[in-house]
Amino acid sequence: MIAKPHLRNVETILAIGLILALAACAQTPSTPWTPAPPIGNGYPDNIDILKPGPSEVIVVINDNAEMVHSGMFAAETLLDPAGSYTGTRDFDPHWPGTSLQDYVRFQLEDGPVVKLYRFTLPPEQFAQIKERVDSAGATMPLFCAAKVQNILSGIAPFESVPDAWLVSPATLAHHLDVIVGSPVFAGACYWPNGASCNPRNTDMSLETSSK
């Protein structure tokens, strides 16, 4: 059976999108890297992550081989573009609801390479981010990192983050590494256990949990 022209166009677009996605996923941050904490010995079950502050933006990067994903919180509001977190958790009748800690634990099911980029913003900038999060709408598969990146783009301290059509979580992490690695303090990167993954001082361990 001969495919209809509009179906061939859709197939072509999807094929191009897949090629670009694979190319994007091949990009890795060039900033200094510290190993992720290994899974085991009670980790990550015993993590106790500090809740988001009232004007805090937190970007969660899952960059595991099994699965890559990007999501973010604006204070307590989660944006999980094209993600399966709430859909999966809804099957548990005892699930207490969305939280940063539970969201990070969900991402850690794919492996240990999960980073939290935390930024406390002035009220005006936070309000701009929150407005974009609230009006984000649905996201197509493969576009999670692009959705998060476009929400951040152009708002301090994310002025250097460009608009994106299709990027990988690793590429988004690279842009954030440049910001947190700059001489001017504008946020920090943490592993879920509270250890620093901040490229400007990879030995630094800041207070990110309530332990």
N, C-alpha and C. Protein backbone atom coordinates (compact mmCIF):
# COMPACT_ATOMS: atom_id res chain seq x y z
N MET A 1 0.85 -1.20 0.00
CA MET A 1 0.00 0.00 0.00
C MET A 1 0.89 1.25 0.00
N ILE A 2 0.57 2.20 -0.86
CA ILE A 2 1.36 3.43 -0.97
C ILE A 2 0.93 4.39 0.13
N ALA A 3 1.92 4.92 0.86
CA ALA A 3 1.60 5.84 1.95
C ALA A 3 1.08 7.15 1.38
N LYS A 4 0.13 7.73 2.06
CA LYS A 4 -0.39 9.02 1.64
C LYS A 4 0.67 10.09 1.86
N PRO A 5 0.65 11.15 1.03
CA PRO A 5 1.70 12.18 1.14
C PRO A 5 1.83 12.76 2.53
N HIS A 6 0.68 13.05 3.20
CA HIS A 6 0.78 13.68 4.51
C HIS A 6 1.36 12.72 5.53
N LEU A 7 1.16 11.42 5.35
CA LEU A 7 1.75 10.45 6.27
C LEU A 7 3.25 10.36 6.06
N ARG A 8 3.68 10.44 4.77
CA ARG A 8 5.12 10.44 4.50
C ARG A 8 5.78 11.66 5.13
N ASN A 9 5.09 12.81 5.09
CA ASN A 9 5.65 14.01 5.70
C ASN A 9 5.81 13.84 7.20
N VAL A 10 4.81 13.25 7.84
CA VAL A 10 4.88 13.01 9.29
C VAL A 10 6.04 12.08 9.61
N GLU A 11 6.18 11.01 8.81
CA GLU A 11 7.27 10.07 9.05
C GLU A 11 8.62 10.74 8.89
N THR A 12 8.73 11.61 7.89
CA THR A 12 9.99 12.32 7.67
C THR A 12 10.32 13.23 8.84
N ILE A 13 9.32 13.95 9.34
CA ILE A 13 9.53 14.85 10.48
C ILE A 13 9.95 14.07 11.70
N LEU A 14 9.29 12.93 11.95
CA LEU A 14 9.64 12.11 13.11
C LEU A 14 11.05 11.55 12.98
N ALA A 15 11.42 11.14 11.76
CA ALA A 15 12.77 10.61 11.56
C ALA A 15 13.83 11.68 11.82
N ILE A 16 13.58 12.89 11.30
CA ILE A 16 14.52 13.98 11.53
C ILE A 16 14.61 14.30 13.02
N GLY A 17 13.44 14.31 13.69
CA GLY A 17 13.42 14.59 15.12
C GLY A 17 14.22 13.57 15.91
N LEU A 18 14.10 12.29 15.52
CA LEU A 18 14.83 11.23 16.22
C LEU A 18 16.33 11.40 16.04
N ILE A 19 16.75 11.74 14.81
CA ILE A 19 18.18 11.95 14.54
C ILE A 19 18.71 13.10 15.38
N LEU A 20 17.96 14.19 15.44
CA LEU A 20 18.39 15.34 16.23
C LEU A 20 18.44 15.01 17.71
N ALA A 21 17.47 14.20 18.17
CA ALA A 21 17.45 13.82 19.58
C ALA A 21 18.68 13.00 19.94
N LEU A 22 19.03 12.06 19.05
CA LEU A 22 20.21 11.25 19.30
C LEU A 22 21.47 12.09 19.28
N ALA A 23 21.51 13.05 18.37
CA ALA A 23 22.67 13.93 18.32
C ALA A 23 22.77 14.78 19.57
N ALA A 24 21.61 15.26 20.05
CA ALA A 24 21.61 16.07 21.27
C ALA A 24 22.05 15.26 22.46
N CYS A 25 21.60 14.01 22.53
CA CYS A 25 21.95 13.16 23.67
C CYS A 25 23.43 12.82 23.66
N ALA A 26 24.10 12.96 22.52
CA ALA A 26 25.53 12.67 22.46
C ALA A 26 26.36 13.79 23.05
N GLN A 27 25.75 14.97 23.28
CA GLN A 27 26.48 16.09 23.84
C GLN A 27 26.61 15.90 25.34
N THR A 28 27.81 16.08 25.87
CA THR A 28 28.03 15.94 27.30
C THR A 28 28.67 17.20 27.83
N PRO A 29 28.43 17.54 29.10
CA PRO A 29 29.02 18.75 29.65
C PRO A 29 30.54 18.70 29.61
N SER A 30 31.17 19.84 29.31
CA SER A 30 32.62 19.92 29.28
C SER A 30 33.18 20.46 30.58
N THR A 31 32.31 20.80 31.53
CA THR A 31 32.75 21.32 32.82
C THR A 31 33.21 20.17 33.71
N PRO A 32 33.99 20.46 34.77
CA PRO A 32 34.46 19.40 35.66
C PRO A 32 33.31 18.57 36.20
N TRP A 33 33.55 17.29 36.35
CA TRP A 33 32.50 16.34 36.71
C TRP A 33 32.91 15.56 37.94
N THR A 34 32.00 15.35 38.88
CA THR A 34 32.26 14.53 40.04
C THR A 34 31.35 13.32 39.99
N PRO A 35 31.81 12.16 40.46
CA PRO A 35 31.01 10.94 40.34
C PRO A 35 29.72 11.02 41.13
N ALA A 36 28.70 10.36 40.62
CA ALA A 36 27.43 10.27 41.33
C ALA A 36 27.57 9.30 42.50
N PRO A 37 26.84 9.53 43.60
CA PRO A 37 26.87 8.57 44.71
C PRO A 37 26.33 7.22 44.24
N PRO A 38 26.98 6.12 44.60
CA PRO A 38 26.49 4.80 44.16
C PRO A 38 25.20 4.41 44.85
N ILE A 39 24.36 3.70 44.13
CA ILE A 39 23.13 3.18 44.70
C ILE A 39 23.48 2.00 45.61
N GLY A 40 22.88 1.96 46.80
CA GLY A 40 23.12 0.85 47.71
C GLY A 40 23.35 1.34 49.13
N ASN A 41 23.38 0.40 50.08
CA ASN A 41 23.59 0.72 51.49
C ASN A 41 22.60 1.77 52.00
N GLY A 42 21.34 1.60 51.62
CA GLY A 42 20.30 2.51 52.08
C GLY A 42 20.10 3.73 51.23
N TYR A 43 20.96 3.94 50.24
CA TYR A 43 20.79 5.08 49.34
C TYR A 43 20.12 4.61 48.06
N PRO A 44 19.04 5.26 47.60
CA PRO A 44 18.56 6.57 48.02
C PRO A 44 17.41 6.55 49.03
N ASP A 45 17.09 5.40 49.61
CA ASP A 45 15.93 5.34 50.51
C ASP A 45 16.05 6.30 51.68
N ASN A 46 17.28 6.56 52.12
CA ASN A 46 17.45 7.38 53.32
C ASN A 46 17.75 8.84 53.02
N ILE A 47 17.60 9.27 51.78
CA ILE A 47 17.84 10.69 51.49
C ILE A 47 16.73 11.53 52.10
N ASP A 48 17.08 12.74 52.47
CA ASP A 48 16.12 13.66 53.09
C ASP A 48 16.38 15.03 52.50
N ILE A 49 15.76 15.31 51.38
CA ILE A 49 16.06 16.51 50.60
C ILE A 49 15.26 17.70 51.12
N LEU A 50 15.93 18.81 51.26
CA LEU A 50 15.29 20.04 51.71
C LEU A 50 14.20 20.46 50.73
N LYS A 51 13.03 20.82 51.26
CA LYS A 51 11.92 21.24 50.41
C LYS A 51 12.27 22.52 49.67
N PRO A 52 11.64 22.77 48.53
CA PRO A 52 11.90 24.02 47.81
C PRO A 52 11.50 25.23 48.63
N GLY A 53 12.30 26.28 48.54
CA GLY A 53 11.96 27.53 49.19
C GLY A 53 10.87 28.26 48.42
N PRO A 54 10.28 29.31 49.02
CA PRO A 54 9.15 30.00 48.39
C PRO A 54 9.50 30.73 47.11
N SER A 55 10.77 31.05 46.89
CA SER A 55 11.18 31.69 45.64
C SER A 55 12.33 30.92 44.99
N GLU A 56 12.31 29.62 45.17
CA GLU A 56 13.41 28.79 44.67
C GLU A 56 13.00 28.05 43.39
N VAL A 57 13.91 28.00 42.45
CA VAL A 57 13.77 27.23 41.22
C VAL A 57 14.76 26.07 41.29
N ILE A 58 14.26 24.86 41.09
CA ILE A 58 15.10 23.67 41.16
C ILE A 58 14.93 22.89 39.86
N VAL A 59 16.03 22.68 39.17
CA VAL A 59 16.02 21.89 37.94
C VAL A 59 16.61 20.52 38.27
N VAL A 60 15.87 19.47 37.92
CA VAL A 60 16.30 18.10 38.17
C VAL A 60 16.71 17.47 36.84
N ILE A 61 17.94 17.00 36.78
CA ILE A 61 18.49 16.38 35.57
C ILE A 61 18.74 14.91 35.84
N ASN A 62 18.06 14.05 35.11
CA ASN A 62 18.29 12.60 35.13
C ASN A 62 19.09 12.29 33.87
N ASP A 63 20.35 11.90 34.04
CA ASP A 63 21.22 11.66 32.88
C ASP A 63 21.80 10.25 32.94
N ASN A 64 20.94 9.29 33.28
CA ASN A 64 21.35 7.90 33.35
C ASN A 64 21.30 7.24 31.98
N ALA A 65 22.06 6.15 31.82
CA ALA A 65 22.07 5.44 30.54
C ALA A 65 20.72 4.82 30.25
N GLU A 66 20.02 4.37 31.29
CA GLU A 66 18.72 3.73 31.10
C GLU A 66 17.66 4.71 30.65
N MET A 67 17.72 5.93 31.17
CA MET A 67 16.70 6.93 30.86
C MET A 67 17.28 8.31 31.12
N VAL A 68 16.95 9.27 30.26
CA VAL A 68 17.31 10.66 30.51
C VAL A 68 16.03 11.47 30.60
N HIS A 69 16.06 12.50 31.47
CA HIS A 69 14.85 13.30 31.65
C HIS A 69 15.23 14.60 32.34
N SER A 70 14.39 15.61 32.16
CA SER A 70 14.52 16.89 32.84
C SER A 70 13.17 17.30 33.38
N GLY A 71 13.17 17.81 34.58
CA GLY A 71 11.97 18.39 35.18
C GLY A 71 12.39 19.55 36.07
N MET A 72 11.43 20.26 36.62
CA MET A 72 11.78 21.39 37.46
C MET A 72 10.66 21.70 38.44
N PHE A 73 11.05 22.36 39.52
CA PHE A 73 10.11 22.89 40.50
C PHE A 73 10.26 24.40 40.53
N ALA A 74 9.13 25.10 40.61
CA ALA A 74 9.11 26.51 40.95
C ALA A 74 8.41 26.58 42.30
N ALA A 75 9.20 26.73 43.36
CA ALA A 75 8.71 26.50 44.73
C ALA A 75 8.15 25.08 44.80
N GLU A 76 6.90 24.90 45.21
CA GLU A 76 6.35 23.55 45.34
C GLU A 76 5.66 23.07 44.06
N THR A 77 5.65 23.89 43.02
CA THR A 77 4.97 23.53 41.77
C THR A 77 5.90 22.74 40.86
N LEU A 78 5.49 21.53 40.52
CA LEU A 78 6.30 20.67 39.65
C LEU A 78 5.92 20.85 38.19
N LEU A 79 6.92 20.94 37.34
CA LEU A 79 6.74 20.80 35.90
C LEU A 79 7.53 19.58 35.48
N ASP A 80 6.85 18.55 35.02
CA ASP A 80 7.48 17.29 34.62
C ASP A 80 7.13 17.04 33.15
N PRO A 81 7.73 17.80 32.24
CA PRO A 81 7.31 17.75 30.84
C PRO A 81 7.53 16.38 30.20
N ALA A 82 6.46 15.82 29.66
CA ALA A 82 6.49 14.51 29.01
C ALA A 82 6.97 13.42 29.95
N GLY A 83 6.82 13.64 31.26
CA GLY A 83 7.28 12.68 32.25
C GLY A 83 6.18 11.72 32.68
N SER A 84 6.60 10.67 33.39
CA SER A 84 5.67 9.63 33.82
C SER A 84 5.50 9.59 35.34
N TYR A 85 6.03 10.59 36.02
CA TYR A 85 6.04 10.55 37.49
C TYR A 85 4.64 10.46 38.09
N THR A 86 3.79 11.45 37.82
CA THR A 86 2.47 11.44 38.45
C THR A 86 1.61 10.29 37.93
N GLY A 87 1.73 9.97 36.65
CA GLY A 87 0.96 8.86 36.11
C GLY A 87 1.30 7.54 36.77
N THR A 88 2.58 7.36 37.10
CA THR A 88 3.00 6.13 37.78
C THR A 88 2.60 6.15 39.24
N ARG A 89 2.85 7.26 39.91
CA ARG A 89 2.54 7.34 41.34
C ARG A 89 1.04 7.26 41.60
N ASP A 90 0.22 7.69 40.67
CA ASP A 90 -1.23 7.66 40.87
C ASP A 90 -1.76 6.25 41.07
N PHE A 91 -1.01 5.24 40.64
CA PHE A 91 -1.44 3.86 40.84
C PHE A 91 -1.31 3.42 42.29
N ASP A 92 -0.57 4.17 43.08
CA ASP A 92 -0.39 3.85 44.50
C ASP A 92 -1.44 4.57 45.32
N PRO A 93 -2.40 3.85 45.91
CA PRO A 93 -3.47 4.53 46.66
C PRO A 93 -2.95 5.23 47.91
N HIS A 94 -1.74 4.90 48.35
CA HIS A 94 -1.19 5.51 49.56
C HIS A 94 -0.20 6.63 49.25
N TRP A 95 -0.07 6.97 47.98
CA TRP A 95 0.86 8.04 47.62
C TRP A 95 0.40 9.36 48.21
N PRO A 96 1.25 10.05 48.98
CA PRO A 96 0.82 11.29 49.64
C PRO A 96 0.78 12.50 48.72
N GLY A 97 1.32 12.39 47.52
CA GLY A 97 1.31 13.51 46.59
C GLY A 97 2.72 13.93 46.19
N THR A 98 2.76 14.90 45.29
CA THR A 98 4.03 15.35 44.72
C THR A 98 4.92 16.02 45.76
N SER A 99 6.17 15.69 45.73
CA SER A 99 7.18 16.39 46.53
C SER A 99 8.51 16.28 45.80
N LEU A 100 9.41 17.21 46.09
CA LEU A 100 10.74 17.17 45.48
C LEU A 100 11.45 15.87 45.84
N GLN A 101 11.38 15.49 47.10
CA GLN A 101 12.08 14.28 47.54
C GLN A 101 11.57 13.04 46.81
N ASP A 102 10.26 12.92 46.70
CA ASP A 102 9.69 11.75 46.02
C ASP A 102 10.01 11.79 44.53
N TYR A 103 9.99 12.97 43.95
CA TYR A 103 10.31 13.10 42.52
C TYR A 103 11.75 12.67 42.25
N VAL A 104 12.67 13.08 43.12
CA VAL A 104 14.07 12.70 42.94
C VAL A 104 14.24 11.19 43.13
N ARG A 105 13.57 10.63 44.11
CA ARG A 105 13.64 9.18 44.30
C ARG A 105 13.12 8.44 43.06
N PHE A 106 12.08 8.97 42.45
CA PHE A 106 11.54 8.37 41.24
C PHE A 106 12.59 8.39 40.12
N GLN A 107 13.29 9.50 39.97
CA GLN A 107 14.32 9.59 38.94
C GLN A 107 15.49 8.64 39.24
N LEU A 108 15.79 8.45 40.51
CA LEU A 108 16.89 7.57 40.91
C LEU A 108 16.61 6.11 40.61
N GLU A 109 15.37 5.77 40.31
CA GLU A 109 15.06 4.40 39.91
C GLU A 109 15.75 4.04 38.59
N ASP A 110 16.14 5.06 37.82
CA ASP A 110 16.84 4.83 36.55
C ASP A 110 18.35 4.70 36.74
N GLY A 111 18.86 5.08 37.90
CA GLY A 111 20.30 5.05 38.14
C GLY A 111 20.73 6.23 38.99
N PRO A 112 22.01 6.31 39.33
CA PRO A 112 22.47 7.30 40.30
C PRO A 112 22.72 8.70 39.75
N VAL A 113 22.75 8.86 38.43
CA VAL A 113 23.16 10.15 37.86
C VAL A 113 21.96 11.09 37.79
N VAL A 114 21.63 11.67 38.94
CA VAL A 114 20.54 12.63 39.06
C VAL A 114 21.08 13.85 39.80
N LYS A 115 20.98 15.00 39.18
CA LYS A 115 21.49 16.24 39.77
C LYS A 115 20.36 17.22 40.05
N LEU A 116 20.55 18.01 41.10
CA LEU A 116 19.61 19.08 41.44
C LEU A 116 20.34 20.41 41.33
N TYR A 117 19.85 21.28 40.48
CA TYR A 117 20.37 22.64 40.36
C TYR A 117 19.40 23.57 41.08
N ARG A 118 19.87 24.22 42.15
CA ARG A 118 18.99 25.01 43.00
C ARG A 118 19.37 26.49 42.91
N PHE A 119 18.35 27.32 42.66
CA PHE A 119 18.54 28.76 42.52
C PHE A 119 17.46 29.48 43.32
N THR A 120 17.85 30.35 44.24
CA THR A 120 16.90 31.21 44.93
C THR A 120 16.89 32.55 44.21
N LEU A 121 15.72 32.94 43.70
CA LEU A 121 15.62 34.11 42.84
C LEU A 121 14.95 35.28 43.57
N PRO A 122 15.23 36.50 43.12
CA PRO A 122 14.46 37.65 43.60
C PRO A 122 13.00 37.49 43.21
N PRO A 123 12.09 38.14 43.93
CA PRO A 123 10.65 37.95 43.68
C PRO A 123 10.24 38.18 42.23
N GLU A 124 10.77 39.22 41.58
CA GLU A 124 10.36 39.53 40.21
C GLU A 124 10.74 38.41 39.24
N GLN A 125 11.97 37.93 39.35
CA GLN A 125 12.42 36.88 38.44
C GLN A 125 11.69 35.56 38.73
N PHE A 126 11.47 35.28 40.02
CA PHE A 126 10.75 34.05 40.34
C PHE A 126 9.33 34.10 39.78
N ALA A 127 8.68 35.25 39.88
CA ALA A 127 7.32 35.38 39.37
C ALA A 127 7.27 35.13 37.86
N GLN A 128 8.29 35.57 37.14
CA GLN A 128 8.34 35.33 35.70
C GLN A 128 8.47 33.84 35.39
N ILE A 129 9.36 33.16 36.13
CA ILE A 129 9.52 31.71 35.94
C ILE A 129 8.22 30.99 36.28
N LYS A 130 7.62 31.36 37.40
CA LYS A 130 6.39 30.69 37.85
C LYS A 130 5.27 30.87 36.83
N GLU A 131 5.18 32.04 36.24
CA GLU A 131 4.16 32.28 35.22
C GLU A 131 4.38 31.38 34.01
N ARG A 132 5.61 31.21 33.61
CA ARG A 132 5.91 30.32 32.48
C ARG A 132 5.59 28.86 32.83
N VAL A 133 5.91 28.46 34.05
CA VAL A 133 5.60 27.09 34.47
C VAL A 133 4.10 26.86 34.45
N ASP A 134 3.35 27.80 34.99
CA ASP A 134 1.89 27.64 35.08
C ASP A 134 1.23 27.59 33.71
N SER A 135 1.84 28.19 32.71
CA SER A 135 1.25 28.22 31.37
C SER A 135 1.98 27.31 30.39
N ALA A 136 2.75 26.37 30.91
CA ALA A 136 3.63 25.56 30.05
C ALA A 136 2.86 24.65 29.10
N GLY A 137 1.74 24.10 29.53
CA GLY A 137 0.98 23.21 28.67
C GLY A 137 1.64 21.86 28.50
N ALA A 138 1.09 21.06 27.58
CA ALA A 138 1.60 19.71 27.36
C ALA A 138 2.92 19.74 26.59
N THR A 139 3.67 18.65 26.70
CA THR A 139 4.98 18.54 26.05
C THR A 139 5.06 17.21 25.31
N MET A 140 5.57 17.25 24.08
CA MET A 140 5.76 16.03 23.31
C MET A 140 6.94 15.23 23.85
N PRO A 141 6.93 13.91 23.69
CA PRO A 141 8.09 13.11 24.07
C PRO A 141 9.37 13.62 23.40
N LEU A 142 10.47 13.51 24.10
CA LEU A 142 11.80 13.94 23.68
C LEU A 142 12.04 15.43 23.89
N PHE A 143 11.01 16.19 24.28
CA PHE A 143 11.16 17.63 24.38
C PHE A 143 11.18 18.13 25.82
N CYS A 144 11.45 17.24 26.78
CA CYS A 144 11.42 17.64 28.19
C CYS A 144 12.48 18.70 28.48
N ALA A 145 13.72 18.47 28.04
CA ALA A 145 14.79 19.42 28.33
C ALA A 145 14.56 20.75 27.63
N ALA A 146 14.04 20.71 26.41
CA ALA A 146 13.75 21.95 25.69
C ALA A 146 12.69 22.76 26.41
N LYS A 147 11.67 22.09 26.96
CA LYS A 147 10.62 22.82 27.67
C LYS A 147 11.20 23.51 28.90
N VAL A 148 11.99 22.80 29.68
CA VAL A 148 12.60 23.41 30.86
C VAL A 148 13.54 24.54 30.46
N GLN A 149 14.35 24.30 29.44
CA GLN A 149 15.31 25.32 29.02
C GLN A 149 14.61 26.59 28.55
N ASN A 150 13.52 26.45 27.81
CA ASN A 150 12.81 27.63 27.31
C ASN A 150 12.12 28.39 28.44
N ILE A 151 11.73 27.71 29.50
CA ILE A 151 11.14 28.40 30.64
C ILE A 151 12.18 29.25 31.35
N LEU A 152 13.40 28.75 31.44
CA LEU A 152 14.47 29.49 32.12
C LEU A 152 15.06 30.59 31.26
N SER A 153 15.11 30.40 29.96
CA SER A 153 15.87 31.24 29.04
C SER A 153 15.54 32.73 29.17
N GLY A 154 16.59 33.53 29.33
CA GLY A 154 16.45 34.98 29.29
C GLY A 154 16.12 35.64 30.61
N ILE A 155 15.79 34.87 31.64
CA ILE A 155 15.45 35.42 32.95
C ILE A 155 16.64 35.24 33.88
N ALA A 156 17.05 36.30 34.57
CA ALA A 156 18.20 36.22 35.48
C ALA A 156 17.98 35.14 36.54
N PRO A 157 19.01 34.32 36.81
CA PRO A 157 20.38 34.37 36.30
C PRO A 157 20.61 33.51 35.05
N PHE A 158 19.55 33.27 34.29
CA PHE A 158 19.63 32.35 33.15
C PHE A 158 19.72 33.09 31.81
N GLU A 159 20.27 34.32 31.83
CA GLU A 159 20.35 35.10 30.59
C GLU A 159 21.18 34.40 29.51
N SER A 160 22.15 33.61 29.92
CA SER A 160 23.03 32.94 28.95
C SER A 160 22.42 31.66 28.39
N VAL A 161 21.30 31.22 28.92
CA VAL A 161 20.66 29.99 28.46
C VAL A 161 19.83 30.32 27.22
N PRO A 162 20.15 29.73 26.07
CA PRO A 162 19.42 30.07 24.84
C PRO A 162 18.08 29.37 24.74
N ASP A 163 17.20 29.92 23.93
CA ASP A 163 15.99 29.20 23.57
C ASP A 163 16.38 27.91 22.85
N ALA A 164 15.52 26.91 22.94
CA ALA A 164 15.87 25.62 22.36
C ALA A 164 14.66 25.01 21.67
N TRP A 165 14.94 24.23 20.63
CA TRP A 165 13.89 23.43 20.00
C TRP A 165 13.96 21.99 20.47
N LEU A 166 15.16 21.40 20.39
CA LEU A 166 15.36 20.03 20.85
C LEU A 166 16.76 19.91 21.42
N VAL A 167 16.86 19.67 22.72
CA VAL A 167 18.15 19.51 23.38
C VAL A 167 18.07 18.32 24.33
N SER A 168 19.22 17.82 24.74
CA SER A 168 19.25 16.73 25.70
C SER A 168 19.34 17.28 27.11
N PRO A 169 18.99 16.48 28.12
CA PRO A 169 19.21 16.90 29.50
C PRO A 169 20.67 17.23 29.78
N ALA A 170 21.61 16.51 29.15
CA ALA A 170 23.03 16.80 29.35
C ALA A 170 23.40 18.19 28.85
N THR A 171 22.80 18.60 27.74
CA THR A 171 23.07 19.94 27.21
C THR A 171 22.50 21.01 28.13
N LEU A 172 21.29 20.79 28.63
CA LEU A 172 20.71 21.72 29.60
C LEU A 172 21.60 21.79 30.84
N ALA A 173 22.07 20.65 31.32
CA ALA A 173 22.96 20.63 32.48
C ALA A 173 24.23 21.42 32.22
N HIS A 174 24.74 21.34 31.00
CA HIS A 174 25.94 22.11 30.65
C HIS A 174 25.70 23.60 30.82
N HIS A 175 24.56 24.10 30.33
CA HIS A 175 24.25 25.52 30.48
C HIS A 175 24.16 25.90 31.96
N LEU A 176 23.57 25.05 32.76
CA LEU A 176 23.45 25.34 34.19
C LEU A 176 24.79 25.23 34.90
N ASP A 177 25.65 24.30 34.46
CA ASP A 177 26.99 24.20 35.03
C ASP A 177 27.79 25.48 34.81
N VAL A 178 27.62 26.08 33.64
CA VAL A 178 28.32 27.33 33.36
C VAL A 178 27.88 28.41 34.34
N ILE A 179 26.59 28.44 34.66
CA ILE A 179 26.06 29.46 35.58
C ILE A 179 26.56 29.22 36.99
N VAL A 180 26.40 28.00 37.50
CA VAL A 180 26.80 27.75 38.89
C VAL A 180 28.32 27.71 39.03
N GLY A 181 29.04 27.53 37.93
CA GLY A 181 30.49 27.53 37.97
C GLY A 181 31.12 28.89 37.78
N SER A 182 30.30 29.92 37.61
CA SER A 182 30.83 31.27 37.40
C SER A 182 31.31 31.87 38.72
N PRO A 183 32.19 32.88 38.67
CA PRO A 183 32.67 33.50 39.91
C PRO A 183 31.56 34.16 40.72
N VAL A 184 30.51 34.61 40.06
CA VAL A 184 29.39 35.23 40.75
C VAL A 184 28.44 34.14 41.21
N PHE A 185 28.18 34.07 42.51
CA PHE A 185 27.32 33.00 43.02
C PHE A 185 25.89 33.19 42.50
N ALA A 186 25.38 32.17 41.84
CA ALA A 186 24.03 32.26 41.28
C ALA A 186 23.28 30.95 41.43
N GLY A 187 23.66 30.13 42.37
CA GLY A 187 23.01 28.84 42.54
C GLY A 187 24.05 27.76 42.77
N ALA A 188 23.61 26.53 42.85
CA ALA A 188 24.52 25.43 43.13
C ALA A 188 23.95 24.13 42.61
N CYS A 189 24.85 23.17 42.40
CA CYS A 189 24.49 21.84 41.93
C CYS A 189 24.74 20.83 43.04
N TYR A 190 23.77 19.95 43.27
CA TYR A 190 23.89 18.95 44.32
C TYR A 190 23.50 17.56 43.81
N TRP A 191 24.18 16.56 44.34
CA TRP A 191 23.68 15.20 44.23
C TRP A 191 22.57 15.02 45.26
N PRO A 192 21.71 14.04 45.09
CA PRO A 192 20.58 13.88 46.02
C PRO A 192 21.00 13.64 47.48
N ASN A 193 22.22 13.17 47.72
CA ASN A 193 22.66 12.94 49.10
C ASN A 193 23.23 14.20 49.74
N GLY A 194 23.17 15.33 49.05
CA GLY A 194 23.66 16.59 49.59
C GLY A 194 25.08 16.93 49.20
N ALA A 195 25.81 16.00 48.59
CA ALA A 195 27.17 16.30 48.14
C ALA A 195 27.13 17.26 46.95
N SER A 196 28.18 18.06 46.83
CA SER A 196 28.23 19.05 45.76
C SER A 196 28.63 18.43 44.43
N CYS A 197 27.94 18.86 43.38
CA CYS A 197 28.39 18.58 42.01
C CYS A 197 28.65 19.91 41.32
N ASN A 198 28.96 20.92 42.14
CA ASN A 198 29.18 22.26 41.65
C ASN A 198 30.53 22.35 40.95
N PRO A 199 30.58 22.71 39.67
CA PRO A 199 31.85 22.70 38.93
C PRO A 199 32.86 23.73 39.40
N ARG A 200 32.42 24.77 40.13
CA ARG A 200 33.42 25.75 40.56
C ARG A 200 34.18 25.28 41.80
N ASN A 201 33.65 24.24 42.47
CA ASN A 201 34.34 23.70 43.64
C ASN A 201 33.81 22.30 43.88
N THR A 202 34.38 21.32 43.22
CA THR A 202 33.83 19.97 43.25
C THR A 202 34.02 19.30 44.60
N ASP A 203 34.83 19.88 45.49
CA ASP A 203 35.02 19.30 46.81
C ASP A 203 34.04 19.88 47.83
N MET A 204 33.29 20.90 47.43
CA MET A 204 32.41 21.57 48.36
C MET A 204 31.15 20.74 48.58
N SER A 205 30.70 20.64 49.81
CA SER A 205 29.45 19.97 50.14
C SER A 205 28.60 20.95 50.91
N LEU A 206 27.51 21.40 50.29
CA LEU A 206 26.67 22.42 50.89
C LEU A 206 25.44 21.79 51.51
N GLU A 207 24.75 22.54 52.34
CA GLU A 207 23.58 22.05 53.05
C GLU A 207 22.39 22.00 52.11
N THR A 208 22.04 20.82 51.65
CA THR A 208 20.90 20.68 50.75
C THR A 208 19.83 19.79 51.33
N SER A 209 20.12 19.12 52.40
CA SER A 209 19.14 18.23 52.99
C SER A 209 18.91 18.64 54.43
N SER A 210 17.89 18.05 55.03
CA SER A 210 17.55 18.39 56.40
C SER A 210 18.23 17.47 57.39
N LYS A 211 19.18 16.64 56.89
CA LYS A 211 19.91 15.75 57.79
C LYS A 211 20.88 16.54 58.65
